[in-house]
Amino acid sequence: MKAAKFHGQGRITIEEVAAPVPGEGEVTVRVAACALCGSDFRPWRQGWPVTSGHEIAGRIEQPGHPRHGERVVVYIPVFCGRCEDCTAGRTQLCTGSRELLGWQRPGGYAEVLVAPERCLLPVPDDIPDALAPLLLDTIGTAAHGIRQAKRVVPGGRALVLGAGPIGLGAILVLSRLGFGPIDVIDPTRYRAEFATSLGALPTTPEQAATGRYPLVVEATGKDAARQLALEAVGPEGAIVQLGESDAWSLTETRSIRLKDFFLIRSFYFPIGDYAANLDLLRADQARYARLVDEQVELDGLGALFAAFARGERLKPLLVPA
């Protein structure tokens, strides 16, 4: 089979590799679509020992298995189902396994992959393959963080920092869950203009810093945005921190020190959120479909990543032939 190899410094090759063999409790999935994600810039720049790609939709290809032929998305935490967090429904925080598909185990930038059957969530017939990966990071991660925030901030004005896939997903989820007006900041013109087409209002860091927002969603993983989020959040407001990076470097200013606020970190979503995520996609399916702005086969993955890194694509897909 063919799979992408990330060598670092933006170099990707497509190579013939041995087809994976499922172990106990696992099945083979033929990839229908794998969405590019900003977190994949780490293996793109640094290289990675296994096949990357973690926003995966496909079809179970296991003749004789009861689920053979079923359309699925791949829930990336390889959760054990037995630890304290799993039994409490917090499958994304499983302490029995720290492996993630597409990170520690081979992922979806390939023709096929192997995954634990319990990590395969059924895709209803009304959800096309091209939109199914959005149920994971774009909707799932963003929505879980915003649901957490609603425990302390039920609604009101919001600021979204970063109009990449997670930030755009957050704008759609915020709108659906009753927040507004929604301001947005992104330095990339294409993404900023797309965010305004979804109803968000462009603002500047200077304006946002004095905005006193009840809710701020930080979706960049950049220190500048994290610093701004701390300045922009209002008293007893909440910051939802979705972006990731290797380290933080922030400055506690007087305006940050002299207020109370909540800081919420959302890594991924619990598997129990999946039905609600389907409802969010169905409610705004035409708007989510606009995010998928290019689809390529494996041979086009390198050029697509370069365009994605330049901010010229929103939520492009690898669609293996």
C-alpha atoms as a PDB file:
ATOM      1  CA  MET A   1       0.000   0.000   0.000  1.00  0.00           C
ATOM      2  CA  LYS A   2       0.988   3.660  -0.269  1.00  0.00           C
ATOM      3  CA  ALA A   3       1.603   5.939   2.690  1.00  0.00           C
ATOM      4  CA  ALA A   4       3.089   9.392   3.272  1.00  0.00           C
ATOM      5  CA  LYS A   5       6.437   9.729   5.004  1.00  0.00           C
ATOM      6  CA  PHE A   6       7.213  13.038   6.764  1.00  0.00           C
ATOM      7  CA  HIS A   7      10.974  13.671   6.674  1.00  0.00           C
ATOM      8  CA  GLY A   8      10.992  17.145   8.227  1.00  0.00           C
ATOM      9  CA  GLN A   9      11.662  20.607   6.790  1.00  0.00           C
ATOM     10  CA  GLY A  10       8.439  20.337   4.782  1.00  0.00           C
ATOM     11  CA  ARG A  11       9.487  17.283   2.774  1.00  0.00           C
ATOM     12  CA  ILE A  12       6.923  14.513   2.208  1.00  0.00           C
ATOM     13  CA  THR A  13       7.407  11.405   0.107  1.00  0.00           C
ATOM     14  CA  ILE A  14       4.821   8.800  -0.873  1.00  0.00           C
ATOM     15  CA  GLU A  15       6.211   5.326  -0.349  1.00  0.00           C
ATOM     16  CA  GLU A  16       5.192   1.708  -0.778  1.00  0.00           C
ATOM     17  CA  VAL A  17       4.962   0.104   2.663  1.00  0.00           C
ATOM     18  CA  ALA A  18       3.725  -3.203   4.003  1.00  0.00           C
ATOM     19  CA  ALA A  19      -0.005  -3.332   4.646  1.00  0.00           C
ATOM     20  CA  PRO A  20      -0.746  -3.250   8.386  1.00  0.00           C
ATOM     21  CA  VAL A  21      -2.034  -6.389  10.086  1.00  0.00           C
ATOM     22  CA  PRO A  22      -4.777  -5.929  12.691  1.00  0.00           C
ATOM     23  CA  GLY A  23      -4.201  -7.335  16.146  1.00  0.00           C
ATOM     24  CA  GLU A  24      -6.722  -8.480  18.704  1.00  0.00           C
ATOM     25  CA  GLY A  25      -9.680  -6.081  18.874  1.00  0.00           C
ATOM     26  CA  GLU A  26      -8.485  -4.183  15.797  1.00  0.00           C
ATOM     27  CA  VAL A  27      -9.736  -3.878  12.223  1.00  0.00           C
ATOM     28  CA  THR A  28      -8.426  -2.473   8.970  1.00  0.00           C
ATOM     29  CA  VAL A  29      -9.894   0.813   7.728  1.00  0.00           C
ATOM     30  CA  ARG A  30      -9.596   2.003   4.131  1.00  0.00           C
ATOM     31  CA  VAL A  31      -9.140   5.776   4.251  1.00  0.00           C
ATOM     32  CA  ALA A  32     -11.794   7.791   2.404  1.00  0.00           C
ATOM     33  CA  ALA A  33     -10.627  11.217   3.614  1.00  0.00           C
ATOM     34  CA  CYS A  34      -8.062  12.575   6.067  1.00  0.00           C
ATOM     35  CA  ALA A  35      -8.186  16.274   6.891  1.00  0.00           C
ATOM     36  CA  LEU A  36      -5.049  18.356   7.326  1.00  0.00           C
ATOM     37  CA  CYS A  37      -4.602  19.864  10.782  1.00  0.00           C
ATOM     38  CA  GLY A  38      -2.385  22.628  12.114  1.00  0.00           C
ATOM     39  CA  SER A  39      -0.925  20.278  14.724  1.00  0.00           C
ATOM     40  CA  ASP A  40       0.518  18.255  11.816  1.00  0.00           C
ATOM     41  CA  PHE A  41       2.937  21.089  11.146  1.00  0.00           C
ATOM     42  CA  ARG A  42       5.076  19.561  13.902  1.00  0.00           C
ATOM     43  CA  PRO A  43       5.786  16.320  11.973  1.00  0.00           C
ATOM     44  CA  TRP A  44       5.853  18.311   8.710  1.00  0.00           C
ATOM     45  CA  ARG A  45       8.690  20.461  10.069  1.00  0.00           C
ATOM     46  CA  GLN A  46      10.459  17.974  12.324  1.00  0.00           C
ATOM     47  CA  GLY A  47       9.815  14.605  10.658  1.00  0.00           C
ATOM     48  CA  TRP A  48       7.904  11.744  12.276  1.00  0.00           C
ATOM     49  CA  PRO A  49       8.581   8.027  12.818  1.00  0.00           C
ATOM     50  CA  VAL A  50       5.064   6.818  11.937  1.00  0.00           C
ATOM     51  CA  THR A  51       2.481   7.835   9.340  1.00  0.00           C
ATOM     52  CA  SER A  52       0.772  11.068  10.417  1.00  0.00           C
ATOM     53  CA  GLY A  53      -2.843  12.126   9.924  1.00  0.00           C
ATOM     54  CA  HIS A  54      -5.458  12.002  12.680  1.00  0.00           C
ATOM     55  CA  GLU A  55      -8.744  13.387  11.293  1.00  0.00           C
ATOM     56  CA  ILE A  56      -9.786  10.260   9.453  1.00  0.00           C
ATOM     57  CA  ALA A  57     -12.940   8.985   7.788  1.00  0.00           C
ATOM     58  CA  GLY A  58     -13.064   5.658   6.036  1.00  0.00           C
ATOM     59  CA  ARG A  59     -14.688   2.276   5.692  1.00  0.00           C
ATOM     60  CA  ILE A  60     -13.992  -0.882   7.674  1.00  0.00           C
ATOM     61  CA  GLU A  61     -12.363  -3.384   5.343  1.00  0.00           C
ATOM     62  CA  GLN A  62     -12.400  -6.646   7.268  1.00  0.00           C
ATOM     63  CA  PRO A  63     -14.224  -9.446   5.400  1.00  0.00           C
ATOM     64  CA  GLY A  64     -16.089 -11.690   7.796  1.00  0.00           C
ATOM     65  CA  HIS A  65     -16.231  -9.041  10.526  1.00  0.00           C
ATOM     66  CA  PRO A  66     -19.730  -7.909  11.604  1.00  0.00           C
ATOM     67  CA  ARG A  67     -18.829  -4.274  10.792  1.00  0.00           C
ATOM     68  CA  HIS A  68     -17.208  -4.951   7.415  1.00  0.00           C
ATOM     69  CA  GLY A  69     -18.135  -2.159   4.971  1.00  0.00           C
ATOM     70  CA  GLU A  70     -19.306   0.259   7.680  1.00  0.00           C
ATOM     71  CA  ARG A  71     -18.456   3.946   7.221  1.00  0.00           C
ATOM     72  CA  VAL A  72     -16.638   5.337  10.257  1.00  0.00           C
ATOM     73  CA  VAL A  73     -14.550   8.143  11.669  1.00  0.00           C
ATOM     74  CA  VAL A  74     -11.508   7.346  13.789  1.00  0.00           C
ATOM     75  CA  TYR A  75     -11.479   8.526  17.397  1.00  0.00           C
ATOM     76  CA  ILE A  76      -7.772   9.107  17.911  1.00  0.00           C
ATOM     77  CA  PRO A  77      -7.161   8.380  21.645  1.00  0.00           C
ATOM     78  CA  VAL A  78      -6.550   4.640  21.960  1.00  0.00           C
ATOM     79  CA  PHE A  79      -8.536   4.539  25.201  1.00  0.00           C
ATOM     80  CA  CYS A  80      -8.525   1.456  27.420  1.00  0.00           C
ATOM     81  CA  GLY A  81     -12.156   1.598  28.567  1.00  0.00           C
ATOM     82  CA  ARG A  82     -11.200   0.426  32.066  1.00  0.00           C
ATOM     83  CA  CYS A  83      -9.357   3.222  33.905  1.00  0.00           C
ATOM     84  CA  GLU A  84     -11.024   5.744  36.217  1.00  0.00           C
ATOM     85  CA  ASP A  85     -11.283   8.392  33.509  1.00  0.00           C
ATOM     86  CA  CYS A  86     -12.699   6.032  30.883  1.00  0.00           C
ATOM     87  CA  THR A  87     -15.351   4.645  33.241  1.00  0.00           C
ATOM     88  CA  ALA A  88     -16.301   8.247  34.082  1.00  0.00           C
ATOM     89  CA  GLY A  89     -16.766   8.974  30.358  1.00  0.00           C
ATOM     90  CA  ARG A  90     -13.544  10.967  29.962  1.00  0.00           C
ATOM     91  CA  THR A  91     -12.147   8.719  27.235  1.00  0.00           C
ATOM     92  CA  GLN A  92      -9.969  11.518  25.844  1.00  0.00           C
ATOM     93  CA  LEU A  93      -8.092  11.588  29.167  1.00  0.00           C
ATOM     94  CA  CYS A  94      -7.499   7.826  29.422  1.00  0.00           C
ATOM     95  CA  THR A  95      -4.619   6.981  31.775  1.00  0.00           C
ATOM     96  CA  GLY A  96      -4.486   3.353  30.663  1.00  0.00           C
ATOM     97  CA  SER A  97      -3.126   4.297  27.245  1.00  0.00           C
ATOM     98  CA  ARG A  98      -1.323   7.407  26.073  1.00  0.00           C
ATOM     99  CA  GLU A  99      -1.237   6.441  22.402  1.00  0.00           C
ATOM    100  CA  LEU A 100      -2.899   8.536  19.716  1.00  0.00           C
ATOM    101  CA  LEU A 101      -3.613   7.373  16.186  1.00  0.00           C
ATOM    102  CA  GLY A 102      -1.591   9.466  13.773  1.00  0.00           C
ATOM    103  CA  TRP A 103       0.968  10.265  16.462  1.00  0.00           C
ATOM    104  CA  GLN A 104       2.249   7.221  18.327  1.00  0.00           C
ATOM    105  CA  ARG A 105       0.441   4.815  15.974  1.00  0.00           C
ATOM    106  CA  PRO A 106       0.177   5.076  12.175  1.00  0.00           C
ATOM    107  CA  GLY A 107      -2.553   7.416  10.980  1.00  0.00           C
ATOM    108  CA  GLY A 108      -4.528   8.422   7.961  1.00  0.00           C
ATOM    109  CA  TYR A 109      -2.123   9.880   5.398  1.00  0.00           C
ATOM    110  CA  ALA A 110      -2.182   6.464   3.768  1.00  0.00           C
ATOM    111  CA  GLU A 111      -4.459   4.170   1.833  1.00  0.00           C
ATOM    112  CA  VAL A 112      -5.304   2.033   4.874  1.00  0.00           C
ATOM    113  CA  LEU A 113      -4.648   1.942   8.609  1.00  0.00           C
ATOM    114  CA  VAL A 114      -5.368  -0.362  11.527  1.00  0.00           C
ATOM    115  CA  ALA A 115      -7.370   0.899  14.511  1.00  0.00           C
ATOM    116  CA  PRO A 116      -9.030  -0.549  17.615  1.00  0.00           C
ATOM    117  CA  GLU A 117     -12.647  -1.314  16.804  1.00  0.00           C
ATOM    118  CA  ARG A 118     -13.797   0.641  19.875  1.00  0.00           C
ATOM    119  CA  CYS A 119     -12.233   3.791  18.354  1.00  0.00           C
ATOM    120  CA  LEU A 120     -14.380   3.607  15.200  1.00  0.00           C
ATOM    121  CA  LEU A 121     -17.530   5.740  15.340  1.00  0.00           C
ATOM    122  CA  PRO A 122     -20.279   5.060  12.775  1.00  0.00           C
ATOM    123  CA  VAL A 123     -20.977   7.757  10.169  1.00  0.00           C
ATOM    124  CA  PRO A 124     -24.672   8.107   9.250  1.00  0.00           C
ATOM    125  CA  ASP A 125     -25.665   7.962   5.581  1.00  0.00           C
ATOM    126  CA  ASP A 126     -26.574  11.675   5.468  1.00  0.00           C
ATOM    127  CA  ILE A 127     -22.974  12.747   6.280  1.00  0.00           C
ATOM    128  CA  PRO A 128     -20.693  12.676   3.195  1.00  0.00           C
ATOM    129  CA  ASP A 129     -17.122  11.390   3.436  1.00  0.00           C
ATOM    130  CA  ALA A 130     -15.712  14.868   2.798  1.00  0.00           C
ATOM    131  CA  LEU A 131     -17.443  16.295   5.897  1.00  0.00           C
ATOM    132  CA  ALA A 132     -17.070  13.354   8.268  1.00  0.00           C
ATOM    133  CA  PRO A 133     -13.500  14.309   9.400  1.00  0.00           C
ATOM    134  CA  LEU A 134     -14.856  17.666  10.615  1.00  0.00           C
ATOM    135  CA  LEU A 135     -16.716  15.786  13.355  1.00  0.00           C
ATOM    136  CA  LEU A 136     -13.356  15.272  15.078  1.00  0.00           C
ATOM    137  CA  ASP A 137     -11.110  18.317  15.662  1.00  0.00           C
ATOM    138  CA  THR A 138     -13.024  21.083  13.873  1.00  0.00           C
ATOM    139  CA  ILE A 139     -16.300  20.370  15.656  1.00  0.00           C
ATOM    140  CA  GLY A 140     -15.397  17.913  18.412  1.00  0.00           C
ATOM    141  CA  THR A 141     -12.433  19.669  20.029  1.00  0.00           C
ATOM    142  CA  ALA A 142     -13.902  23.154  19.644  1.00  0.00           C
ATOM    143  CA  ALA A 143     -17.353  22.162  20.867  1.00  0.00           C
ATOM    144  CA  HIS A 144     -16.054  20.324  23.925  1.00  0.00           C
ATOM    145  CA  GLY A 145     -14.105  23.367  25.048  1.00  0.00           C
ATOM    146  CA  ILE A 146     -17.079  25.661  24.509  1.00  0.00           C
ATOM    147  CA  ARG A 147     -19.392  23.271  26.358  1.00  0.00           C
ATOM    148  CA  GLN A 148     -16.937  23.370  29.259  1.00  0.00           C
ATOM    149  CA  ALA A 149     -17.028  27.177  29.170  1.00  0.00           C
ATOM    150  CA  LYS A 150     -20.825  27.248  29.220  1.00  0.00           C
ATOM    151  CA  ARG A 151     -20.652  25.819  32.721  1.00  0.00           C
ATOM    152  CA  VAL A 152     -19.443  29.247  33.873  1.00  0.00           C
ATOM    153  CA  VAL A 153     -20.326  31.565  30.945  1.00  0.00           C
ATOM    154  CA  PRO A 154     -23.764  30.729  29.529  1.00  0.00           C
ATOM    155  CA  GLY A 155     -23.595  33.153  26.607  1.00  0.00           C
ATOM    156  CA  GLY A 156     -22.738  36.654  25.460  1.00  0.00           C
ATOM    157  CA  ARG A 157     -20.019  38.323  23.469  1.00  0.00           C
ATOM    158  CA  ALA A 158     -17.043  36.201  22.388  1.00  0.00           C
ATOM    159  CA  LEU A 159     -13.608  36.655  20.853  1.00  0.00           C
ATOM    160  CA  VAL A 160     -11.945  34.005  18.674  1.00  0.00           C
ATOM    161  CA  LEU A 161      -8.176  34.265  18.242  1.00  0.00           C
ATOM    162  CA  GLY A 162      -7.152  32.447  15.091  1.00  0.00           C
ATOM    163  CA  ALA A 163      -9.310  31.596  12.076  1.00  0.00           C
ATOM    164  CA  GLY A 164      -7.700  28.302  11.179  1.00  0.00           C
ATOM    165  CA  PRO A 165      -9.834  25.143  11.160  1.00  0.00           C
ATOM    166  CA  ILE A 166     -10.342  25.054  14.943  1.00  0.00           C
ATOM    167  CA  GLY A 167     -11.078  28.784  15.150  1.00  0.00           C
ATOM    168  CA  LEU A 168     -13.572  28.619  12.285  1.00  0.00           C
ATOM    169  CA  GLY A 169     -15.171  25.583  13.883  1.00  0.00           C
ATOM    170  CA  ALA A 170     -15.390  27.540  17.136  1.00  0.00           C
ATOM    171  CA  ILE A 171     -17.174  30.419  15.373  1.00  0.00           C
ATOM    172  CA  LEU A 172     -19.812  28.046  14.009  1.00  0.00           C
ATOM    173  CA  VAL A 173     -20.236  26.268  17.337  1.00  0.00           C
ATOM    174  CA  LEU A 174     -20.432  29.542  19.280  1.00  0.00           C
ATOM    175  CA  SER A 175     -23.129  30.815  16.940  1.00  0.00           C
ATOM    176  CA  ARG A 176     -25.134  27.598  17.274  1.00  0.00           C
ATOM    177  CA  LEU A 177     -24.800  27.525  21.072  1.00  0.00           C
ATOM    178  CA  GLY A 178     -26.101  31.048  21.559  1.00  0.00           C
ATOM    179  CA  PHE A 179     -22.996  33.245  21.824  1.00  0.00           C
ATOM    180  CA  GLY A 180     -22.702  36.568  20.029  1.00  0.00           C
ATOM    181  CA  PRO A 181     -21.631  38.931  18.723  1.00  0.00           C
ATOM    182  CA  ILE A 182     -18.391  37.111  17.867  1.00  0.00           C
ATOM    183  CA  ASP A 183     -15.193  39.034  17.137  1.00  0.00           C
ATOM    184  CA  VAL A 184     -12.220  37.430  15.381  1.00  0.00           C
ATOM    185  CA  ILE A 185      -8.529  38.115  14.787  1.00  0.00           C
ATOM    186  CA  ASP A 186      -6.343  36.349  12.233  1.00  0.00           C
ATOM    187  CA  PRO A 187      -3.353  37.863  10.400  1.00  0.00           C
ATOM    188  CA  THR A 188      -3.989  35.800   7.246  1.00  0.00           C
ATOM    189  CA  ARG A 189      -6.293  37.680   4.914  1.00  0.00           C
ATOM    190  CA  TYR A 190      -7.931  34.617   3.356  1.00  0.00           C
ATOM    191  CA  ARG A 191      -8.862  33.123   6.709  1.00  0.00           C
ATOM    192  CA  ALA A 192      -9.910  36.425   8.254  1.00  0.00           C
ATOM    193  CA  GLU A 193     -12.223  37.203   5.347  1.00  0.00           C
ATOM    194  CA  PHE A 194     -13.716  33.728   5.504  1.00  0.00           C
ATOM    195  CA  ALA A 195     -14.387  34.166   9.220  1.00  0.00           C
ATOM    196  CA  THR A 196     -16.302  37.383   8.513  1.00  0.00           C
ATOM    197  CA  SER A 197     -18.338  35.515   5.880  1.00  0.00           C
ATOM    198  CA  LEU A 198     -19.485  33.239   8.722  1.00  0.00           C
ATOM    199  CA  GLY A 199     -20.750  36.274  10.636  1.00  0.00           C
ATOM    200  CA  ALA A 200     -17.734  37.060  12.814  1.00  0.00           C
ATOM    201  CA  LEU A 201     -16.635  40.688  13.176  1.00  0.00           C
ATOM    202  CA  PRO A 202     -12.993  41.584  12.505  1.00  0.00           C
ATOM    203  CA  THR A 203     -11.159  43.388  15.253  1.00  0.00           C
ATOM    204  CA  THR A 204      -7.582  44.308  16.169  1.00  0.00           C
ATOM    205  CA  PRO A 205      -5.391  43.211  19.083  1.00  0.00           C
ATOM    206  CA  GLU A 206      -5.498  46.774  20.459  1.00  0.00           C
ATOM    207  CA  GLN A 207      -9.290  46.818  20.443  1.00  0.00           C
ATOM    208  CA  ALA A 208      -9.579  43.287  21.780  1.00  0.00           C
ATOM    209  CA  ALA A 209      -7.213  43.940  24.699  1.00  0.00           C
ATOM    210  CA  THR A 210      -9.758  46.300  26.234  1.00  0.00           C
ATOM    211  CA  GLY A 211     -12.809  44.317  25.158  1.00  0.00           C
ATOM    212  CA  ARG A 212     -13.660  42.642  28.490  1.00  0.00           C
ATOM    213  CA  TYR A 213     -15.091  39.598  26.722  1.00  0.00           C
ATOM    214  CA  PRO A 214     -17.140  37.055  28.700  1.00  0.00           C
ATOM    215  CA  LEU A 215     -15.559  34.328  26.557  1.00  0.00           C
ATOM    216  CA  VAL A 216     -12.277  34.161  24.615  1.00  0.00           C
ATOM    217  CA  VAL A 217     -11.344  31.163  22.450  1.00  0.00           C
ATOM    218  CA  GLU A 218      -7.599  30.886  21.782  1.00  0.00           C
ATOM    219  CA  ALA A 219      -7.135  28.645  18.738  1.00  0.00           C
ATOM    220  CA  THR A 220      -3.595  29.434  17.565  1.00  0.00           C
ATOM    221  CA  GLY A 221      -1.148  27.883  20.016  1.00  0.00           C
ATOM    222  CA  LYS A 222       0.895  31.092  19.825  1.00  0.00           C
ATOM    223  CA  ASP A 223       2.154  33.026  22.831  1.00  0.00           C
ATOM    224  CA  ALA A 224       0.987  36.343  21.390  1.00  0.00           C
ATOM    225  CA  ALA A 225      -2.585  35.056  21.220  1.00  0.00           C
ATOM    226  CA  ARG A 226      -2.400  33.532  24.685  1.00  0.00           C
ATOM    227  CA  GLN A 227      -1.134  36.834  26.066  1.00  0.00           C
ATOM    228  CA  LEU A 228      -3.930  38.709  24.303  1.00  0.00           C
ATOM    229  CA  ALA A 229      -6.528  36.261  25.610  1.00  0.00           C
ATOM    230  CA  LEU A 230      -5.447  36.998  29.179  1.00  0.00           C
ATOM    231  CA  GLU A 231      -5.726  40.732  28.526  1.00  0.00           C
ATOM    232  CA  ALA A 232      -9.050  40.532  26.655  1.00  0.00           C
ATOM    233  CA  VAL A 233     -11.073  38.295  28.959  1.00  0.00           C
ATOM    234  CA  GLY A 234     -13.454  40.181  31.220  1.00  0.00           C
ATOM    235  CA  PRO A 235     -13.899  39.803  34.985  1.00  0.00           C
ATOM    236  CA  GLU A 236     -15.210  36.309  35.801  1.00  0.00           C
ATOM    237  CA  GLY A 237     -15.062  35.458  32.113  1.00  0.00           C
ATOM    238  CA  ALA A 238     -13.492  32.355  30.610  1.00  0.00           C
ATOM    239  CA  ILE A 239     -10.657  31.595  28.213  1.00  0.00           C
ATOM    240  CA  VAL A 240     -10.902  28.358  26.246  1.00  0.00           C
ATOM    241  CA  GLN A 241      -7.390  27.377  25.191  1.00  0.00           C
ATOM    242  CA  LEU A 242      -7.426  25.033  22.170  1.00  0.00           C
ATOM    243  CA  GLY A 243      -4.144  25.730  20.383  1.00  0.00           C
ATOM    244  CA  GLU A 244      -1.042  23.722  21.271  1.00  0.00           C
ATOM    245  CA  SER A 245       2.695  24.414  21.325  1.00  0.00           C
ATOM    246  CA  ASP A 246       5.842  23.041  22.903  1.00  0.00           C
ATOM    247  CA  ALA A 247       6.183  25.775  25.549  1.00  0.00           C
ATOM    248  CA  TRP A 248       4.521  28.902  26.937  1.00  0.00           C
ATOM    249  CA  SER A 249       6.151  32.269  27.559  1.00  0.00           C
ATOM    250  CA  LEU A 250       3.731  34.835  28.986  1.00  0.00           C
ATOM    251  CA  THR A 251       3.932  38.017  31.036  1.00  0.00           C
ATOM    252  CA  GLU A 252       1.592  38.691  33.935  1.00  0.00           C
ATOM    253  CA  THR A 253       0.592  42.342  33.591  1.00  0.00           C
ATOM    254  CA  ARG A 254      -1.308  44.423  36.102  1.00  0.00           C
ATOM    255  CA  SER A 255      -4.557  44.099  34.090  1.00  0.00           C
ATOM    256  CA  ILE A 256      -4.250  40.302  34.214  1.00  0.00           C
ATOM    257  CA  ARG A 257      -3.320  40.183  37.890  1.00  0.00           C
ATOM    258  CA  LEU A 258      -6.200  42.345  39.085  1.00  0.00           C
ATOM    259  CA  LYS A 259      -9.128  40.286  37.840  1.00  0.00           C
ATOM    260  CA  ASP A 260     -10.690  36.886  38.360  1.00  0.00           C
ATOM    261  CA  PHE A 261     -11.222  34.639  35.333  1.00  0.00           C
ATOM    262  CA  PHE A 262     -11.400  30.983  34.343  1.00  0.00           C
ATOM    263  CA  LEU A 263      -8.828  29.245  32.128  1.00  0.00           C
ATOM    264  CA  ILE A 264     -10.152  26.131  30.379  1.00  0.00           C
ATOM    265  CA  ARG A 265      -7.931  23.771  28.433  1.00  0.00           C
ATOM    266  CA  SER A 266      -9.617  21.410  25.954  1.00  0.00           C
ATOM    267  CA  PHE A 267      -7.438  18.656  24.476  1.00  0.00           C
ATOM    268  CA  TYR A 268     -10.048  16.569  22.627  1.00  0.00           C
ATOM    269  CA  PHE A 269     -13.621  15.453  23.193  1.00  0.00           C
ATOM    270  CA  PRO A 270     -15.048  12.514  25.161  1.00  0.00           C
ATOM    271  CA  ILE A 271     -16.544   9.828  22.977  1.00  0.00           C
ATOM    272  CA  GLY A 272     -19.931  10.528  24.560  1.00  0.00           C
ATOM    273  CA  ASP A 273     -20.028  13.917  22.764  1.00  0.00           C
ATOM    274  CA  TYR A 274     -20.215  12.274  19.341  1.00  0.00           C
ATOM    275  CA  ALA A 275     -24.008  12.331  18.964  1.00  0.00           C
ATOM    276  CA  ALA A 276     -24.117  16.029  19.896  1.00  0.00           C
ATOM    277  CA  ASN A 277     -21.310  16.732  17.413  1.00  0.00           C
ATOM    278  CA  LEU A 278     -23.350  15.062  14.678  1.00  0.00           C
ATOM    279  CA  ASP A 279     -26.235  17.397  15.556  1.00  0.00           C
ATOM    280  CA  LEU A 280     -23.948  20.421  15.211  1.00  0.00           C
ATOM    281  CA  LEU A 281     -22.752  19.291  11.786  1.00  0.00           C
ATOM    282  CA  ARG A 282     -26.281  18.627  10.569  1.00  0.00           C
ATOM    283  CA  ALA A 283     -27.526  21.995  11.815  1.00  0.00           C
ATOM    284  CA  ASP A 284     -24.907  23.915   9.787  1.00  0.00           C
ATOM    285  CA  GLN A 285     -23.877  21.370   7.163  1.00  0.00           C
ATOM    286  CA  ALA A 286     -23.762  23.824   4.258  1.00  0.00           C
ATOM    287  CA  ARG A 287     -21.565  26.216   6.241  1.00  0.00           C
ATOM    288  CA  TYR A 288     -19.166  23.479   7.336  1.00  0.00           C
ATOM    289  CA  ALA A 289     -18.947  22.266   3.738  1.00  0.00           C
ATOM    290  CA  ARG A 290     -17.451  25.635   2.773  1.00  0.00           C
ATOM    291  CA  LEU A 291     -14.414  24.910   4.952  1.00  0.00           C
ATOM    292  CA  VAL A 292     -13.339  21.998   2.747  1.00  0.00           C
ATOM    293  CA  ASP A 293     -11.621  24.041   0.056  1.00  0.00           C
ATOM    294  CA  GLU A 294      -9.414  21.448  -1.662  1.00  0.00           C
ATOM    295  CA  GLN A 295      -9.113  17.672  -2.013  1.00  0.00           C
ATOM    296  CA  VAL A 296      -6.021  15.888  -3.344  1.00  0.00           C
ATOM    297  CA  GLU A 297      -4.733  12.360  -3.790  1.00  0.00           C
ATOM    298  CA  LEU A 298      -1.565  11.157  -2.071  1.00  0.00           C
ATOM    299  CA  ASP A 299       0.765  12.509  -4.741  1.00  0.00           C
ATOM    300  CA  GLY A 300      -0.526  16.037  -4.110  1.00  0.00           C
ATOM    301  CA  LEU A 301      -0.084  15.984  -0.323  1.00  0.00           C
ATOM    302  CA  GLY A 302       3.257  17.811  -0.249  1.00  0.00           C
ATOM    303  CA  ALA A 303       2.038  20.785  -2.264  1.00  0.00           C
ATOM    304  CA  LEU A 304      -1.187  20.881  -0.282  1.00  0.00           C
ATOM    305  CA  PHE A 305       0.678  21.068   3.033  1.00  0.00           C
ATOM    306  CA  ALA A 306       2.760  23.959   1.726  1.00  0.00           C
ATOM    307  CA  ALA A 307      -0.370  25.900   0.734  1.00  0.00           C
ATOM    308  CA  PHE A 308      -1.988  25.068   4.079  1.00  0.00           C
ATOM    309  CA  ALA A 309       1.090  26.356   5.929  1.00  0.00           C
ATOM    310  CA  ARG A 310       0.883  29.645   4.011  1.00  0.00           C
ATOM    311  CA  GLY A 311      -2.714  30.110   5.174  1.00  0.00           C
ATOM    312  CA  GLU A 312      -4.089  29.641   1.657  1.00  0.00           C
ATOM    313  CA  ARG A 313      -6.364  26.717   2.580  1.00  0.00           C
ATOM    314  CA  LEU A 314      -8.906  26.266   5.342  1.00  0.00           C
ATOM    315  CA  LYS A 315      -9.604  22.570   5.862  1.00  0.00           C
ATOM    316  CA  PRO A 316      -8.220  20.645   2.889  1.00  0.00           C
ATOM    317  CA  LEU A 317      -8.443  16.866   2.587  1.00  0.00           C
ATOM    318  CA  LEU A 318      -6.289  14.005   1.489  1.00  0.00           C
ATOM    319  CA  VAL A 319      -8.543  11.673  -0.493  1.00  0.00           C
ATOM    320  CA  PRO A 320      -6.524   8.595  -1.450  1.00  0.00           C
ATOM    321  CA  ALA A 321      -7.398   7.224  -4.867  1.00  0.00           C
END
